[in-house]
mmCIF file of all heavy atoms, coordinates in Angstrom:
data_MODEL
# 
_entry.id   MODEL 
# 
loop_
_atom_site.group_PDB 
_atom_site.id 
_atom_site.type_symbol 
_atom_site.label_atom_id 
_atom_site.label_alt_id 
_atom_site.label_comp_id 
_atom_site.label_asym_id 
_atom_site.label_entity_id 
_atom_site.label_seq_id 
_atom_site.pdbx_PDB_ins_code 
_atom_site.Cartn_x 
_atom_site.Cartn_y 
_atom_site.Cartn_z 
_atom_site.occupancy 
_atom_site.B_iso_or_equiv 
_atom_site.pdbx_formal_charge 
_atom_site.auth_seq_id 
_atom_site.auth_comp_id 
_atom_site.auth_asym_id 
_atom_site.auth_atom_id 
_atom_site.pdbx_PDB_model_num 
ATOM 1   N N   . LEU A 1 1  ? -29.841 -163.758 43.244 1.00 0.00 ? 1  LEU A N   1 
ATOM 2   C CA  . LEU A 1 1  ? -29.046 -162.683 42.645 1.00 0.00 ? 1  LEU A CA  1 
ATOM 3   C C   . LEU A 1 1  ? -29.863 -161.789 41.727 1.00 0.00 ? 1  LEU A C   1 
ATOM 4   O O   . LEU A 1 1  ? -29.484 -160.640 41.471 1.00 0.00 ? 1  LEU A O   1 
ATOM 5   C CB  . LEU A 1 1  ? -27.856 -163.270 41.891 1.00 0.00 ? 1  LEU A CB  1 
ATOM 6   C CG  . LEU A 1 1  ? -26.809 -163.975 42.765 1.00 0.00 ? 1  LEU A CG  1 
ATOM 7   C CD1 . LEU A 1 1  ? -25.707 -164.573 41.902 1.00 0.00 ? 1  LEU A CD1 1 
ATOM 8   C CD2 . LEU A 1 1  ? -26.233 -163.011 43.788 1.00 0.00 ? 1  LEU A CD2 1 
ATOM 9   N N   . ALA A 1 2  ? -30.991 -162.268 41.240 1.00 0.00 ? 2  ALA A N   1 
ATOM 10  C CA  . ALA A 1 2  ? -31.845 -161.433 40.387 1.00 0.00 ? 2  ALA A CA  1 
ATOM 11  C C   . ALA A 1 2  ? -32.450 -160.273 41.168 1.00 0.00 ? 2  ALA A C   1 
ATOM 12  O O   . ALA A 1 2  ? -32.845 -159.266 40.568 1.00 0.00 ? 2  ALA A O   1 
ATOM 13  C CB  . ALA A 1 2  ? -32.957 -162.279 39.764 1.00 0.00 ? 2  ALA A CB  1 
ATOM 14  N N   . TYR A 1 3  ? -32.526 -160.390 42.487 1.00 0.00 ? 3  TYR A N   1 
ATOM 15  C CA  . TYR A 1 3  ? -33.041 -159.277 43.289 1.00 0.00 ? 3  TYR A CA  1 
ATOM 16  C C   . TYR A 1 3  ? -32.219 -158.014 43.082 1.00 0.00 ? 3  TYR A C   1 
ATOM 17  O O   . TYR A 1 3  ? -32.743 -156.900 43.197 1.00 0.00 ? 3  TYR A O   1 
ATOM 18  C CB  . TYR A 1 3  ? -32.996 -159.635 44.775 1.00 0.00 ? 3  TYR A CB  1 
ATOM 19  C CG  . TYR A 1 3  ? -34.106 -160.514 45.291 1.00 0.00 ? 3  TYR A CG  1 
ATOM 20  C CD1 . TYR A 1 3  ? -35.107 -161.001 44.459 1.00 0.00 ? 3  TYR A CD1 1 
ATOM 21  C CD2 . TYR A 1 3  ? -34.162 -160.851 46.643 1.00 0.00 ? 3  TYR A CD2 1 
ATOM 22  C CE1 . TYR A 1 3  ? -36.121 -161.804 44.949 1.00 0.00 ? 3  TYR A CE1 1 
ATOM 23  C CE2 . TYR A 1 3  ? -35.172 -161.651 47.151 1.00 0.00 ? 3  TYR A CE2 1 
ATOM 24  C CZ  . TYR A 1 3  ? -36.154 -162.133 46.306 1.00 0.00 ? 3  TYR A CZ  1 
ATOM 25  O OH  . TYR A 1 3  ? -37.160 -162.923 46.810 1.00 0.00 ? 3  TYR A OH  1 
ATOM 26  N N   . ARG A 1 4  ? -30.927 -158.177 42.810 1.00 0.00 ? 4  ARG A N   1 
ATOM 27  C CA  . ARG A 1 4  ? -30.058 -156.992 42.726 1.00 0.00 ? 4  ARG A CA  1 
ATOM 28  C C   . ARG A 1 4  ? -30.431 -156.102 41.536 1.00 0.00 ? 4  ARG A C   1 
ATOM 29  O O   . ARG A 1 4  ? -30.773 -154.933 41.743 1.00 0.00 ? 4  ARG A O   1 
ATOM 30  C CB  . ARG A 1 4  ? -28.590 -157.418 42.703 1.00 0.00 ? 4  ARG A CB  1 
ATOM 31  C CG  . ARG A 1 4  ? -28.199 -158.209 43.960 1.00 0.00 ? 4  ARG A CG  1 
ATOM 32  C CD  . ARG A 1 4  ? -26.707 -158.461 44.078 1.00 0.00 ? 4  ARG A CD  1 
ATOM 33  N NE  . ARG A 1 4  ? -26.138 -159.108 42.914 1.00 0.00 ? 4  ARG A NE  1 
ATOM 34  C CZ  . ARG A 1 4  ? -24.858 -159.442 42.793 1.00 0.00 ? 4  ARG A CZ  1 
ATOM 35  N NH1 . ARG A 1 4  ? -24.004 -159.170 43.783 1.00 0.00 ? 4  ARG A NH1 1 
ATOM 36  N NH2 . ARG A 1 4  ? -24.410 -160.038 41.712 1.00 0.00 ? 4  ARG A NH2 1 
ATOM 37  N N   . PRO A 1 5  ? -30.399 -156.594 40.287 1.00 0.00 ? 5  PRO A N   1 
ATOM 38  C CA  . PRO A 1 5  ? -30.781 -155.699 39.183 1.00 0.00 ? 5  PRO A CA  1 
ATOM 39  C C   . PRO A 1 5  ? -32.261 -155.348 39.193 1.00 0.00 ? 5  PRO A C   1 
ATOM 40  O O   . PRO A 1 5  ? -32.631 -154.208 38.862 1.00 0.00 ? 5  PRO A O   1 
ATOM 41  C CB  . PRO A 1 5  ? -30.409 -156.508 37.934 1.00 0.00 ? 5  PRO A CB  1 
ATOM 42  C CG  . PRO A 1 5  ? -30.393 -157.937 38.371 1.00 0.00 ? 5  PRO A CG  1 
ATOM 43  C CD  . PRO A 1 5  ? -29.908 -157.898 39.793 1.00 0.00 ? 5  PRO A CD  1 
ATOM 44  N N   . GLN A 1 6  ? -33.112 -156.292 39.579 1.00 0.00 ? 6  GLN A N   1 
ATOM 45  C CA  . GLN A 1 6  ? -34.547 -156.005 39.596 1.00 0.00 ? 6  GLN A CA  1 
ATOM 46  C C   . GLN A 1 6  ? -34.872 -154.946 40.643 1.00 0.00 ? 6  GLN A C   1 
ATOM 47  O O   . GLN A 1 6  ? -35.656 -154.018 40.389 1.00 0.00 ? 6  GLN A O   1 
ATOM 48  C CB  . GLN A 1 6  ? -35.326 -157.286 39.872 1.00 0.00 ? 6  GLN A CB  1 
ATOM 49  C CG  . GLN A 1 6  ? -35.287 -158.301 38.744 1.00 0.00 ? 6  GLN A CG  1 
ATOM 50  C CD  . GLN A 1 6  ? -35.862 -159.643 39.135 1.00 0.00 ? 6  GLN A CD  1 
ATOM 51  O OE1 . GLN A 1 6  ? -36.271 -159.857 40.276 1.00 0.00 ? 6  GLN A OE1 1 
ATOM 52  N NE2 . GLN A 1 6  ? -35.895 -160.574 38.188 1.00 0.00 ? 6  GLN A NE2 1 
ATOM 53  N N   . GLY A 1 7  ? -34.265 -155.082 41.819 1.00 0.00 ? 7  GLY A N   1 
ATOM 54  C CA  . GLY A 1 7  ? -34.518 -154.116 42.879 1.00 0.00 ? 7  GLY A CA  1 
ATOM 55  C C   . GLY A 1 7  ? -34.023 -152.729 42.542 1.00 0.00 ? 7  GLY A C   1 
ATOM 56  O O   . GLY A 1 7  ? -34.712 -151.727 42.782 1.00 0.00 ? 7  GLY A O   1 
ATOM 57  N N   . LEU A 1 8  ? -32.825 -152.649 41.955 1.00 0.00 ? 8  LEU A N   1 
ATOM 58  C CA  . LEU A 1 8  ? -32.289 -151.339 41.585 1.00 0.00 ? 8  LEU A CA  1 
ATOM 59  C C   . LEU A 1 8  ? -33.135 -150.693 40.485 1.00 0.00 ? 8  LEU A C   1 
ATOM 60  O O   . LEU A 1 8  ? -33.308 -149.463 40.476 1.00 0.00 ? 8  LEU A O   1 
ATOM 61  C CB  . LEU A 1 8  ? -30.831 -151.470 41.140 1.00 0.00 ? 8  LEU A CB  1 
ATOM 62  C CG  . LEU A 1 8  ? -29.826 -151.782 42.251 1.00 0.00 ? 8  LEU A CG  1 
ATOM 63  C CD1 . LEU A 1 8  ? -28.435 -152.019 41.663 1.00 0.00 ? 8  LEU A CD1 1 
ATOM 64  C CD2 . LEU A 1 8  ? -29.778 -150.672 43.292 1.00 0.00 ? 8  LEU A CD2 1 
ATOM 65  N N   . THR A 1 9  ? -33.670 -151.488 39.578 1.00 0.00 ? 9  THR A N   1 
ATOM 66  C CA  . THR A 1 9  ? -34.548 -150.949 38.544 1.00 0.00 ? 9  THR A CA  1 
ATOM 67  C C   . THR A 1 9  ? -35.788 -150.321 39.165 1.00 0.00 ? 9  THR A C   1 
ATOM 68  O O   . THR A 1 9  ? -36.211 -149.219 38.783 1.00 0.00 ? 9  THR A O   1 
ATOM 69  C CB  . THR A 1 9  ? -34.948 -152.050 37.559 1.00 0.00 ? 9  THR A CB  1 
ATOM 70  O OG1 . THR A 1 9  ? -33.785 -152.531 36.889 1.00 0.00 ? 9  THR A OG1 1 
ATOM 71  C CG2 . THR A 1 9  ? -35.934 -151.528 36.519 1.00 0.00 ? 9  THR A CG2 1 
ATOM 72  N N   . LEU A 1 10 ? -36.379 -151.013 40.124 1.00 0.00 ? 10 LEU A N   1 
ATOM 73  C CA  . LEU A 1 10 ? -37.547 -150.462 40.814 1.00 0.00 ? 10 LEU A CA  1 
ATOM 74  C C   . LEU A 1 10 ? -37.191 -149.192 41.586 1.00 0.00 ? 10 LEU A C   1 
ATOM 75  O O   . LEU A 1 10 ? -37.924 -148.188 41.532 1.00 0.00 ? 10 LEU A O   1 
ATOM 76  C CB  . LEU A 1 10 ? -38.120 -151.509 41.767 1.00 0.00 ? 10 LEU A CB  1 
ATOM 77  C CG  . LEU A 1 10 ? -38.783 -152.722 41.114 1.00 0.00 ? 10 LEU A CG  1 
ATOM 78  C CD1 . LEU A 1 10 ? -39.070 -153.805 42.151 1.00 0.00 ? 10 LEU A CD1 1 
ATOM 79  C CD2 . LEU A 1 10 ? -40.068 -152.310 40.399 1.00 0.00 ? 10 LEU A CD2 1 
ATOM 80  N N   . LEU A 1 11 ? -36.075 -149.211 42.282 1.00 0.00 ? 11 LEU A N   1 
ATOM 81  C CA  . LEU A 1 11 ? -35.655 -148.025 43.030 1.00 0.00 ? 11 LEU A CA  1 
ATOM 82  C C   . LEU A 1 11 ? -35.399 -146.846 42.109 1.00 0.00 ? 11 LEU A C   1 
ATOM 83  O O   . LEU A 1 11 ? -35.700 -145.695 42.454 1.00 0.00 ? 11 LEU A O   1 
ATOM 84  C CB  . LEU A 1 11 ? -34.394 -148.343 43.842 1.00 0.00 ? 11 LEU A CB  1 
ATOM 85  C CG  . LEU A 1 11 ? -34.575 -149.275 45.042 1.00 0.00 ? 11 LEU A CG  1 
ATOM 86  C CD1 . LEU A 1 11 ? -33.215 -149.728 45.577 1.00 0.00 ? 11 LEU A CD1 1 
ATOM 87  C CD2 . LEU A 1 11 ? -35.374 -148.588 46.147 1.00 0.00 ? 11 LEU A CD2 1 
ATOM 88  N N   . ARG A 1 12 ? -34.868 -147.128 40.944 1.00 0.00 ? 12 ARG A N   1 
ATOM 89  C CA  . ARG A 1 12 ? -34.558 -146.068 39.979 1.00 0.00 ? 12 ARG A CA  1 
ATOM 90  C C   . ARG A 1 12 ? -35.814 -145.329 39.531 1.00 0.00 ? 12 ARG A C   1 
ATOM 91  O O   . ARG A 1 12 ? -35.756 -144.152 39.143 1.00 0.00 ? 12 ARG A O   1 
ATOM 92  C CB  . ARG A 1 12 ? -33.848 -146.682 38.772 1.00 0.00 ? 12 ARG A CB  1 
ATOM 93  C CG  . ARG A 1 12 ? -32.862 -145.774 38.069 1.00 0.00 ? 12 ARG A CG  1 
ATOM 94  C CD  . ARG A 1 12 ? -32.127 -146.535 36.979 1.00 0.00 ? 12 ARG A CD  1 
ATOM 95  N NE  . ARG A 1 12 ? -31.218 -147.519 37.528 1.00 0.00 ? 12 ARG A NE  1 
ATOM 96  C CZ  . ARG A 1 12 ? -31.227 -148.818 37.209 1.00 0.00 ? 12 ARG A CZ  1 
ATOM 97  N NH1 . ARG A 1 12 ? -32.099 -149.293 36.340 1.00 0.00 ? 12 ARG A NH1 1 
ATOM 98  N NH2 . ARG A 1 12 ? -30.356 -149.632 37.763 1.00 0.00 ? 12 ARG A NH2 1 
ATOM 99  N N   . THR A 1 13 ? -36.944 -146.003 39.563 1.00 0.00 ? 13 THR A N   1 
ATOM 100 C CA  . THR A 1 13 ? -38.199 -145.381 39.147 1.00 0.00 ? 13 THR A CA  1 
ATOM 101 C C   . THR A 1 13 ? -38.926 -144.714 40.314 1.00 0.00 ? 13 THR A C   1 
ATOM 102 O O   . THR A 1 13 ? -40.045 -144.216 40.145 1.00 0.00 ? 13 THR A O   1 
ATOM 103 C CB  . THR A 1 13 ? -39.135 -146.426 38.518 1.00 0.00 ? 13 THR A CB  1 
ATOM 104 O OG1 . THR A 1 13 ? -39.480 -147.420 39.497 1.00 0.00 ? 13 THR A OG1 1 
ATOM 105 C CG2 . THR A 1 13 ? -38.484 -147.108 37.331 1.00 0.00 ? 13 THR A CG2 1 
ATOM 106 N N   . GLY A 1 14 ? -38.311 -144.720 41.497 1.00 0.00 ? 14 GLY A N   1 
ATOM 107 C CA  . GLY A 1 14 ? -38.883 -144.024 42.638 1.00 0.00 ? 14 GLY A CA  1 
ATOM 108 C C   . GLY A 1 14 ? -39.750 -144.868 43.537 1.00 0.00 ? 14 GLY A C   1 
ATOM 109 O O   . GLY A 1 14 ? -40.431 -144.335 44.429 1.00 0.00 ? 14 GLY A O   1 
ATOM 110 N N   . VAL A 1 15 ? -39.730 -146.188 43.363 1.00 0.00 ? 15 VAL A N   1 
ATOM 111 C CA  . VAL A 1 15 ? -40.517 -147.070 44.227 1.00 0.00 ? 15 VAL A CA  1 
ATOM 112 C C   . VAL A 1 15 ? -39.902 -147.071 45.631 1.00 0.00 ? 15 VAL A C   1 
ATOM 113 O O   . VAL A 1 15 ? -38.687 -147.145 45.792 1.00 0.00 ? 15 VAL A O   1 
ATOM 114 C CB  . VAL A 1 15 ? -40.548 -148.504 43.649 1.00 0.00 ? 15 VAL A CB  1 
ATOM 115 C CG1 . VAL A 1 15 ? -41.297 -149.449 44.585 1.00 0.00 ? 15 VAL A CG1 1 
ATOM 116 C CG2 . VAL A 1 15 ? -41.189 -148.492 42.264 1.00 0.00 ? 15 VAL A CG2 1 
ATOM 117 N N   . ALA A 1 16 ? -40.745 -146.999 46.650 1.00 0.00 ? 16 ALA A N   1 
ATOM 118 C CA  . ALA A 1 16 ? -40.275 -146.983 48.037 1.00 0.00 ? 16 ALA A CA  1 
ATOM 119 C C   . ALA A 1 16 ? -39.679 -148.330 48.410 1.00 0.00 ? 16 ALA A C   1 
ATOM 120 O O   . ALA A 1 16 ? -40.013 -149.372 47.836 1.00 0.00 ? 16 ALA A O   1 
ATOM 121 C CB  . ALA A 1 16 ? -41.428 -146.649 48.968 1.00 0.00 ? 16 ALA A CB  1 
ATOM 122 N N   . ALA A 1 17 ? -38.805 -148.324 49.419 1.00 0.00 ? 17 ALA A N   1 
ATOM 123 C CA  . ALA A 1 17 ? -38.104 -149.542 49.812 1.00 0.00 ? 17 ALA A CA  1 
ATOM 124 C C   . ALA A 1 17 ? -39.070 -150.667 50.173 1.00 0.00 ? 17 ALA A C   1 
ATOM 125 O O   . ALA A 1 17 ? -38.888 -151.821 49.759 1.00 0.00 ? 17 ALA A O   1 
ATOM 126 C CB  . ALA A 1 17 ? -37.169 -149.244 50.988 1.00 0.00 ? 17 ALA A CB  1 
ATOM 127 N N   . ALA A 1 18 ? -40.109 -150.369 50.950 1.00 0.00 ? 18 ALA A N   1 
ATOM 128 C CA  . ALA A 1 18 ? -41.058 -151.406 51.357 1.00 0.00 ? 18 ALA A CA  1 
ATOM 129 C C   . ALA A 1 18 ? -41.768 -152.006 50.152 1.00 0.00 ? 18 ALA A C   1 
ATOM 130 O O   . ALA A 1 18 ? -42.028 -153.221 50.109 1.00 0.00 ? 18 ALA A O   1 
ATOM 131 C CB  . ALA A 1 18 ? -42.070 -150.833 52.342 1.00 0.00 ? 18 ALA A CB  1 
ATOM 132 N N   . ASP A 1 19 ? -42.056 -151.187 49.166 1.00 0.00 ? 19 ASP A N   1 
ATOM 133 C CA  . ASP A 1 19 ? -42.736 -151.689 47.971 1.00 0.00 ? 19 ASP A CA  1 
ATOM 134 C C   . ASP A 1 19 ? -41.791 -152.494 47.088 1.00 0.00 ? 19 ASP A C   1 
ATOM 135 O O   . ASP A 1 19 ? -42.216 -153.440 46.414 1.00 0.00 ? 19 ASP A O   1 
ATOM 136 C CB  . ASP A 1 19 ? -43.345 -150.530 47.191 1.00 0.00 ? 19 ASP A CB  1 
ATOM 137 C CG  . ASP A 1 19 ? -44.471 -149.848 47.963 1.00 0.00 ? 19 ASP A CG  1 
ATOM 138 O OD1 . ASP A 1 19 ? -45.147 -150.541 48.755 1.00 0.00 ? 19 ASP A OD1 1 
ATOM 139 O OD2 . ASP A 1 19 ? -44.662 -148.631 47.785 1.00 0.00 ? 19 ASP A OD2 1 
ATOM 140 N N   . VAL A 1 20 ? -40.509 -152.142 47.092 1.00 0.00 ? 20 VAL A N   1 
ATOM 141 C CA  . VAL A 1 20 ? -39.521 -152.939 46.368 1.00 0.00 ? 20 VAL A CA  1 
ATOM 142 C C   . VAL A 1 20 ? -39.440 -154.333 46.983 1.00 0.00 ? 20 VAL A C   1 
ATOM 143 O O   . VAL A 1 20 ? -39.470 -155.350 46.272 1.00 0.00 ? 20 VAL A O   1 
ATOM 144 C CB  . VAL A 1 20 ? -38.137 -152.260 46.390 1.00 0.00 ? 20 VAL A CB  1 
ATOM 145 C CG1 . VAL A 1 20 ? -37.061 -153.203 45.846 1.00 0.00 ? 20 VAL A CG1 1 
ATOM 146 C CG2 . VAL A 1 20 ? -38.161 -150.977 45.578 1.00 0.00 ? 20 VAL A CG2 1 
ATOM 147 N N   . VAL A 1 21 ? -39.352 -154.383 48.305 1.00 0.00 ? 21 VAL A N   1 
ATOM 148 C CA  . VAL A 1 21 ? -39.310 -155.681 48.989 1.00 0.00 ? 21 VAL A CA  1 
ATOM 149 C C   . VAL A 1 21 ? -40.561 -156.488 48.668 1.00 0.00 ? 21 VAL A C   1 
ATOM 150 O O   . VAL A 1 21 ? -40.491 -157.675 48.307 1.00 0.00 ? 21 VAL A O   1 
ATOM 151 C CB  . VAL A 1 21 ? -39.167 -155.483 50.509 1.00 0.00 ? 21 VAL A CB  1 
ATOM 152 C CG1 . VAL A 1 21 ? -39.415 -156.796 51.252 1.00 0.00 ? 21 VAL A CG1 1 
ATOM 153 C CG2 . VAL A 1 21 ? -37.785 -154.941 50.844 1.00 0.00 ? 21 VAL A CG2 1 
ATOM 154 N N   . ALA A 1 22 ? -41.723 -155.855 48.777 1.00 0.00 ? 22 ALA A N   1 
ATOM 155 C CA  . ALA A 1 22 ? -42.980 -156.558 48.526 1.00 0.00 ? 22 ALA A CA  1 
ATOM 156 C C   . ALA A 1 22 ? -43.042 -157.089 47.093 1.00 0.00 ? 22 ALA A C   1 
ATOM 157 O O   . ALA A 1 22 ? -43.464 -158.234 46.863 1.00 0.00 ? 22 ALA A O   1 
ATOM 158 C CB  . ALA A 1 22 ? -44.160 -155.627 48.802 1.00 0.00 ? 22 ALA A CB  1 
ATOM 159 N N   . GLY A 1 23 ? -42.609 -156.279 46.132 1.00 0.00 ? 23 GLY A N   1 
ATOM 160 C CA  . GLY A 1 23 ? -42.663 -156.703 44.745 1.00 0.00 ? 23 GLY A CA  1 
ATOM 161 C C   . GLY A 1 23 ? -41.713 -157.847 44.435 1.00 0.00 ? 23 GLY A C   1 
ATOM 162 O O   . GLY A 1 23 ? -42.067 -158.795 43.722 1.00 0.00 ? 23 GLY A O   1 
ATOM 163 N N   . LEU A 1 24 ? -40.498 -157.781 44.989 1.00 0.00 ? 24 LEU A N   1 
ATOM 164 C CA  . LEU A 1 24 ? -39.515 -158.827 44.717 1.00 0.00 ? 24 LEU A CA  1 
ATOM 165 C C   . LEU A 1 24 ? -39.947 -160.172 45.295 1.00 0.00 ? 24 LEU A C   1 
ATOM 166 O O   . LEU A 1 24 ? -39.882 -161.200 44.628 1.00 0.00 ? 24 LEU A O   1 
ATOM 167 C CB  . LEU A 1 24 ? -38.150 -158.422 45.274 1.00 0.00 ? 24 LEU A CB  1 
ATOM 168 C CG  . LEU A 1 24 ? -37.438 -157.269 44.562 1.00 0.00 ? 24 LEU A CG  1 
ATOM 169 C CD1 . LEU A 1 24 ? -36.156 -156.902 45.304 1.00 0.00 ? 24 LEU A CD1 1 
ATOM 170 C CD2 . LEU A 1 24 ? -37.127 -157.608 43.111 1.00 0.00 ? 24 LEU A CD2 1 
ATOM 171 N N   . VAL A 1 25 ? -40.385 -160.163 46.544 1.00 0.00 ? 25 VAL A N   1 
ATOM 172 C CA  . VAL A 1 25 ? -40.725 -161.446 47.165 1.00 0.00 ? 25 VAL A CA  1 
ATOM 173 C C   . VAL A 1 25 ? -42.043 -162.005 46.637 1.00 0.00 ? 25 VAL A C   1 
ATOM 174 O O   . VAL A 1 25 ? -42.229 -163.227 46.573 1.00 0.00 ? 25 VAL A O   1 
ATOM 175 C CB  . VAL A 1 25 ? -40.734 -161.351 48.705 1.00 0.00 ? 25 VAL A CB  1 
ATOM 176 C CG1 . VAL A 1 25 ? -39.366 -160.899 49.210 1.00 0.00 ? 25 VAL A CG1 1 
ATOM 177 C CG2 . VAL A 1 25 ? -41.824 -160.421 49.217 1.00 0.00 ? 25 VAL A CG2 1 
# 
């Protein structure tokens, strides 16, 4: 469940989807 707020935070700063996935995992 931490992926949800962490991922949205990254997306909010303009990180691309592939990089969000890479960073979370």
